[in-house]
Amino acid sequence: MKVAVFGSTGKTGLQIVQQALERGYTVVAAARSPQKLTIQHEALAAVACDVLQPDSLAAVMFGVDAVIVAIGGDGISDSRTRSEGTANILQAMRAAEVDRILAVSTAGVGDSIDQLGMLARVFVRLIIHKAVADHTRQEKSIRSSGMRWTIGRPGGLTDGARSGGCQADPDGTISIRQVSRADVASFLLDALEDPQSEGQIYALSQR
């Protein structure tokens, strides 16, 4: 399996890259500044690109079986990087005939805001509403893409170790709390290996 990871130098992206390598995948780490990648491995290739520059994405897709998107924004006021960047990634995937995509979104998008506690709902609506709106547009483009997609909506992300205690709920029934980036990465890679995850949106939370 050869996987491209966008946002590979971010905290969540690094976890995805590391765990994918541990599973024996070949990984293409796509990043604006690949020199920031702190992982070295014979099955890892770093490719410089910018998701807001569509012409830079073709090189990432060569021979890829699936794409994992973990791109962040430029601060809480960024309302375009995730949505526009993901739209460009989808375009590059179509050109390369790659049809499997997994993405990290966020709790607070859509009905998932009702699964948050009161203080978290206030935080979403008053502080990070632009980022949540960007994720909302990102999800819409993925869901309407015709791709085989899976979306994860984690609660607040922590730097804790992989615990194996991540709840992945597609039914909107759990209370969403914090979850470690390591567990989010593990969920995404499990989902990549599970055809039943295709076309599903999961709320992610620590047990």
Foldseek 3Di string as FASTA:
>chain_A
DEEEEEPCLDLLNVLLVVVCVVVVYQYEYEECCQVSRPDDDPSYHYAHDALLDLVRCLVRLVPHQEYEYEDDADDLQGQARLQSSLLSNLVSCVVSVHFEYEYEAAQPADPSLVLEDPVQNCCCVPPNVSSSNSSNNNVVCSLPSNGFYAYEHAYAEDQDAQDVQKDWAQPSDHRGDYDYSNVVSVVRVVLVVDSVRTPTYTYIHGD
